[in-house]
Protein backbone atom coordinates (compact mmCIF):
# COMPACT_ATOMS: atom_id res chain seq x y z
CA MET A 1 -35.47 -7.90 -14.32
CA ASN A 2 -39.14 -8.92 -13.73
CA ALA A 3 -40.59 -8.69 -10.47
CA PRO A 4 -40.93 -12.57 -9.88
CA ARG A 5 -37.41 -13.35 -10.81
CA ARG A 6 -36.10 -10.42 -8.78
CA ASN A 7 -38.01 -11.81 -5.70
CA LEU A 8 -36.54 -15.25 -6.03
CA LEU A 9 -33.05 -13.82 -6.19
CA LEU A 10 -33.44 -11.71 -3.41
CA ALA A 11 -34.89 -14.57 -1.40
CA ALA A 12 -32.09 -16.67 -2.26
CA LEU A 13 -29.70 -13.96 -1.17
CA ALA A 14 -31.47 -13.51 2.18
CA ILE A 15 -31.28 -17.39 2.73
CA ALA A 16 -27.50 -17.55 1.76
CA LEU A 17 -26.78 -14.53 3.98
CA GLY A 18 -28.99 -15.65 6.83
CA ILE A 19 -30.92 -12.49 6.73
CA ALA A 20 -34.43 -12.40 7.77
CA ALA A 21 -36.69 -9.58 6.94
CA PRO A 22 -37.02 -7.33 9.79
CA SER A 23 -40.26 -6.67 11.52
CA TYR A 24 -42.02 -3.31 10.71
CA ALA A 25 -43.87 -3.34 13.95
CA LYS A 26 -41.00 -2.02 16.17
CA ASP A 27 -37.48 -0.78 15.57
CA PRO A 28 -35.03 -3.75 15.13
CA LYS A 29 -32.41 -4.30 17.57
CA GLU A 30 -30.30 -5.78 14.93
CA ILE A 31 -29.60 -3.45 12.09
CA VAL A 32 -28.61 -5.09 8.81
CA ILE A 33 -26.65 -2.61 6.57
CA GLY A 34 -25.86 -3.34 2.79
CA THR A 35 -22.97 -1.71 1.14
CA SER A 36 -20.35 -2.01 -1.43
CA SER A 37 -16.95 -3.85 -0.64
CA GLY A 38 -14.24 -1.38 0.41
CA PRO A 39 -14.08 1.97 1.93
CA TYR A 40 -17.82 2.54 2.75
CA ALA A 41 -17.87 -1.03 4.36
CA ASP A 42 -14.68 0.03 6.40
CA GLN A 43 -16.35 3.28 7.47
CA ILE A 44 -19.10 1.14 9.15
CA LYS A 45 -16.63 -1.47 10.49
CA LEU A 46 -14.19 1.20 12.05
CA GLY A 47 -16.70 3.92 13.12
CA ILE A 48 -20.55 3.34 12.94
CA LYS A 49 -20.78 -0.17 14.06
CA PRO A 50 -18.78 0.55 17.35
CA ILE A 51 -20.94 3.60 18.15
CA LEU A 52 -24.20 1.77 17.51
CA GLU A 53 -23.19 -1.27 19.47
CA LYS A 54 -22.58 0.91 22.54
CA GLN A 55 -26.39 1.59 22.33
CA GLY A 56 -27.25 -2.03 22.38
CA TYR A 57 -27.57 -2.55 18.53
CA LYS A 58 -26.21 -5.62 16.76
CA VAL A 59 -25.02 -4.58 13.54
CA LYS A 60 -24.68 -6.90 10.53
CA LEU A 61 -22.99 -5.79 7.41
CA VAL A 62 -23.73 -7.16 4.13
CA GLU A 63 -21.28 -6.61 1.18
CA PHE A 64 -22.49 -6.32 -2.53
CA ASN A 65 -20.42 -6.17 -5.68
CA ASP A 66 -22.79 -4.08 -7.84
CA TYR A 67 -25.28 -1.05 -7.53
CA ILE A 68 -28.47 -2.99 -8.26
CA GLN A 69 -29.18 -5.47 -5.64
CA PRO A 70 -28.71 -3.39 -2.54
CA ASN A 71 -31.79 -1.16 -3.30
CA PHE A 72 -33.94 -3.94 -4.12
CA ALA A 73 -32.86 -5.83 -0.88
CA LEU A 74 -33.57 -2.56 1.02
CA ALA A 75 -37.09 -2.26 -0.37
CA GLU A 76 -37.99 -5.75 0.15
CA GLY A 77 -36.89 -5.75 3.80
CA SER A 78 -33.75 -7.80 3.54
CA LEU A 79 -31.83 -4.84 4.76
CA ASP A 80 -32.54 -2.09 7.09
CA ALA A 81 -30.21 0.43 5.37
CA ASN A 82 -27.73 0.61 2.47
CA VAL A 83 -24.60 2.76 2.05
CA PHE A 84 -23.26 3.01 -1.37
CA GLN A 85 -25.02 5.54 -3.70
CA HIS A 86 -25.57 9.35 -4.00
CA ILE A 87 -28.94 11.17 -4.19
CA VAL A 88 -28.97 11.30 -8.08
CA TYR A 89 -28.76 7.65 -8.40
CA LEU A 90 -31.19 7.00 -5.55
CA ASN A 91 -33.95 8.97 -6.90
CA GLU A 92 -33.35 7.75 -10.38
CA PHE A 93 -33.30 4.17 -9.43
CA ALA A 94 -36.26 4.35 -6.80
CA ALA A 95 -38.49 6.07 -9.12
CA LYS A 96 -37.64 3.83 -12.23
CA ASN A 97 -38.37 0.74 -10.09
CA LYS A 98 -41.28 2.35 -7.91
CA LEU A 99 -39.39 1.49 -4.70
CA PRO A 100 -40.29 3.60 -1.46
CA LEU A 101 -36.85 4.53 -0.58
CA ALA A 102 -35.47 7.83 1.11
CA ASP A 103 -32.12 9.39 1.80
CA LEU A 104 -31.34 9.61 5.55
CA VAL A 105 -27.74 11.18 6.01
CA LYS A 106 -24.85 12.03 3.96
CA ILE A 107 -21.48 10.19 4.36
CA PRO A 108 -17.76 11.20 3.56
CA THR A 109 -17.14 10.21 0.06
CA ALA A 110 -14.41 9.12 -2.29
CA PRO A 111 -14.43 11.15 -5.54
CA ILE A 112 -14.63 9.56 -9.13
CA ALA A 113 -11.38 10.24 -10.91
CA ILE A 114 -9.35 9.22 -14.02
CA TYR A 115 -6.53 6.76 -13.80
CA SER A 116 -4.03 5.12 -16.12
CA LYS A 117 -1.36 2.62 -15.83
CA LYS A 118 -0.10 3.44 -19.33
CA HIS A 119 0.33 6.97 -19.09
CA LYS A 120 1.81 9.35 -16.47
CA THR A 121 -0.24 12.43 -17.55
CA LEU A 122 -3.25 13.43 -19.34
CA ALA A 123 -1.25 15.44 -21.77
CA GLU A 124 -0.14 12.16 -23.42
CA ALA A 125 -3.74 11.36 -24.69
CA LYS A 126 -3.87 11.21 -28.54
CA GLU A 127 -6.37 10.88 -31.17
CA GLY A 128 -8.13 7.28 -30.60
CA THR A 129 -7.28 7.19 -26.95
CA THR A 130 -9.43 4.61 -25.31
CA VAL A 131 -11.49 5.76 -21.91
CA ALA A 132 -13.46 3.59 -19.97
CA MET A 133 -16.24 4.95 -18.02
CA PRO A 134 -19.26 3.69 -15.66
CA ASN A 135 -22.24 2.35 -17.57
CA ASP A 136 -24.88 3.50 -15.01
CA PRO A 137 -26.38 6.95 -16.33
CA THR A 138 -25.58 9.01 -13.26
CA ASN A 139 -21.89 8.19 -12.82
CA GLN A 140 -21.40 8.17 -16.75
CA ALA A 141 -22.85 11.84 -16.61
CA ARG A 142 -19.89 12.68 -14.20
CA ALA A 143 -17.50 11.17 -16.45
CA LEU A 144 -18.67 13.05 -19.33
CA VAL A 145 -18.66 16.39 -17.66
CA LEU A 146 -14.94 15.82 -16.72
CA LEU A 147 -14.00 14.95 -20.42
CA ASP A 148 -15.85 18.15 -21.52
CA GLN A 149 -13.92 20.21 -18.99
CA LEU A 150 -10.56 18.48 -20.36
CA GLY A 151 -11.67 19.47 -23.98
CA TRP A 152 -11.39 15.97 -25.06
CA ILE A 153 -15.21 15.99 -26.03
CA LYS A 154 -17.34 18.97 -26.30
CA LEU A 155 -21.09 18.64 -25.02
CA ARG A 156 -23.92 20.26 -26.66
CA ASP A 157 -24.87 23.85 -25.47
CA LYS A 158 -27.28 23.79 -22.46
CA PHE A 159 -26.64 20.03 -21.54
CA ASP A 160 -27.76 18.81 -18.12
CA PRO A 161 -24.71 17.96 -16.14
CA VAL A 162 -26.58 15.30 -14.13
CA LYS A 163 -28.27 13.75 -17.07
CA ALA A 164 -25.48 13.96 -19.75
CA SER A 165 -25.10 10.99 -21.82
CA GLU A 166 -23.30 10.08 -25.03
CA LYS A 167 -26.10 11.65 -27.09
CA ASP A 168 -25.04 15.00 -25.61
CA ILE A 169 -21.59 14.84 -27.17
CA ALA A 170 -21.53 17.47 -29.90
CA VAL A 171 -17.84 17.19 -31.01
CA ASN A 172 -15.46 14.29 -30.13
CA VAL A 173 -12.43 16.55 -30.17
CA LYS A 174 -9.83 13.81 -29.37
CA LYS A 175 -11.71 11.12 -31.12
CA VAL A 176 -11.68 9.22 -28.00
CA LYS A 177 -12.99 5.75 -27.84
CA LEU A 178 -15.43 5.36 -25.05
CA ILE A 179 -16.10 2.19 -23.25
CA SER A 180 -18.83 1.77 -20.84
CA LEU A 181 -18.54 -0.86 -18.13
CA GLU A 182 -20.01 -1.94 -14.80
CA ALA A 183 -18.44 0.45 -12.13
CA ALA A 184 -16.88 -2.63 -10.37
CA GLN A 185 -15.09 -3.46 -13.53
CA LEU A 186 -13.29 -0.43 -14.09
CA PRO A 187 -10.22 -0.88 -12.01
CA ARG A 188 -9.43 -4.07 -13.97
CA SER A 189 -10.18 -2.20 -17.27
CA LEU A 190 -6.75 -0.38 -16.61
CA GLN A 191 -4.98 -3.39 -17.92
CA ASP A 192 -6.47 -2.59 -21.28
CA THR A 193 -7.43 1.12 -21.49
CA ASP A 194 -5.38 4.34 -21.94
CA TYR A 195 -7.35 5.90 -19.18
CA SER A 196 -10.46 4.79 -16.95
CA PHE A 197 -12.77 6.61 -14.76
CA VAL A 198 -12.94 4.68 -11.49
CA ASN A 199 -15.40 5.47 -8.74
CA GLY A 200 -13.44 6.05 -5.36
CA ASN A 201 -14.91 3.20 -3.46
CA TYR A 202 -13.84 0.68 -6.32
CA ALA A 203 -10.56 2.25 -6.72
CA LEU A 204 -9.74 1.80 -2.86
CA ALA A 205 -11.11 -1.73 -2.78
CA SER A 206 -8.80 -2.57 -5.56
CA GLY A 207 -5.79 -1.42 -3.88
CA MET A 208 -5.50 1.91 -5.81
CA LYS A 209 -4.74 5.18 -4.05
CA LEU A 210 -6.79 8.22 -4.51
CA LYS A 211 -3.61 10.28 -4.76
CA GLU A 212 -2.69 8.24 -7.87
CA ALA A 213 -5.52 9.80 -9.83
CA LEU A 214 -4.50 12.16 -12.86
CA LEU A 215 -7.70 14.18 -12.50
CA THR A 216 -10.16 13.99 -9.46
CA GLU A 217 -13.57 15.50 -9.76
CA LYS A 218 -14.59 18.23 -7.35
CA ILE A 219 -17.56 16.55 -5.78
CA SER A 220 -20.98 18.70 -5.93
CA SER A 221 -23.52 18.10 -3.34
CA ASN A 222 -25.36 15.85 -5.91
CA TYR A 223 -22.64 13.25 -5.48
CA ILE A 224 -22.04 13.03 -2.02
CA ASN A 225 -22.78 9.42 -1.02
CA LEU A 226 -25.54 8.70 1.58
CA VAL A 227 -27.27 6.15 3.85
CA ALA A 228 -30.64 5.18 2.22
CA ILE A 229 -33.49 3.53 4.11
CA ARG A 230 -37.31 2.66 3.56
CA ALA A 231 -39.20 5.93 3.66
CA ALA A 232 -41.63 4.49 6.20
CA ASP A 233 -38.67 3.95 8.62
CA LYS A 234 -37.28 7.40 8.52
CA ASP A 235 -38.60 8.46 11.89
CA LYS A 236 -37.83 5.20 13.64
CA GLN A 237 -35.28 5.23 16.35
CA PHE A 238 -32.79 2.91 14.77
CA ALA A 239 -32.59 5.24 11.77
CA LYS A 240 -32.23 8.38 13.83
CA ASP A 241 -29.46 6.54 15.69
CA ILE A 242 -27.63 5.66 12.44
CA ALA A 243 -27.81 9.24 11.41
CA ALA A 244 -26.64 10.51 14.78
CA ALA A 245 -23.56 8.15 14.43
CA TYR A 246 -22.50 9.58 11.03
CA ARG A 247 -22.82 13.11 12.56
CA SER A 248 -21.02 12.45 15.65
CA ARG A 249 -17.56 13.75 16.68
CA GLU A 250 -16.57 10.32 17.14
CA PHE A 251 -16.93 9.24 13.49
CA LEU A 252 -15.25 12.53 12.39
CA ALA A 253 -12.40 11.28 14.32
CA VAL A 254 -12.56 8.05 12.40
CA THR A 255 -12.79 9.88 9.10
CA ASN A 256 -9.80 12.12 9.79
CA LYS A 257 -7.59 9.09 10.87
CA TYR A 258 -8.64 6.48 8.20
CA PHE A 259 -10.23 8.38 5.30
CA PRO A 260 -8.37 11.76 5.12
CA ASP A 261 -8.77 12.21 1.44
CA TYR A 262 -12.49 12.03 1.27
CA SER A 263 -14.84 14.73 0.65
CA LYS A 264 -16.68 15.47 4.03
CA THR A 265 -20.32 16.17 4.87
CA GLU A 266 -21.51 19.61 5.67
CA ASP A 267 -22.13 18.07 9.13
CA GLN A 268 -18.52 17.26 9.54
CA LEU A 269 -17.28 20.46 8.32
CA ALA A 270 -19.64 22.23 10.90
CA LEU A 271 -18.17 20.34 13.50
CA GLU A 272 -14.54 21.11 12.45
CA ALA A 273 -15.38 24.84 12.36
CA GLY A 274 -16.69 24.56 15.91
CA GLY A 275 -20.33 24.38 15.28
CA ALA A 276 -22.73 21.69 15.60
CA ALA A 277 -23.99 19.28 13.34
CA LYS A 278 -27.42 19.67 11.82
CA PRO A 279 -30.25 17.66 13.31
CA GLY A 280 -31.97 15.17 11.24
CA LYS A 281 -34.80 16.29 8.95
């Protein structure tokens, strides 16, 4: 997407949602956070928003249905923070599009997993099995690594697990038919495919349950989701307060009550172990 067209789309989005670009001269008392519909929005509504409102902030939530707009909206000032991505995706997207964005704090994350509405086990997979996976490079790499672990494909020697692509498939052992789709479309793809990889947030947003997965990724630190902000805002008070809210015991209690199957952050695990969460960098 070229810059003029992107700017027009973001301006229209801001007008439609009633969002004004924040002032960079001072920390805003209204914090506008963009996120994907589903559990990460729910984490903010149930846990983060109440904590920040007690500190005098007005928190506005803007929900997106893709992984593209939230970073452009953040970089160009329509948002103060966004919550939907992991560090691999953020770094790659920011570098590719020359966006001055930075990670702030990690959040409890729902893993990517394999689901099926046609099969009860992975053992039922036959030659020619259809498998849908995310079309964005970083999440597609996660799917390919899991397929390699299953033995359905064999990736080439010394492949990079963070950057694996279909070009790295040395042998298609099961002769699976791979279908690349927008992440938001993957839950609906289950009507047509044998198996589909679905990101946890979209699985939950579509009414699926994490325990229904036939195989769940063990999330590495690279794929724990995070709060992103503009790099210039990292030391501002509102950013410090967002980070503190996610690291708080109050939010840990919300996580345990409403998001028990999520991978917790190191800060939350430290709190449960009786220690203190790490201070912001």
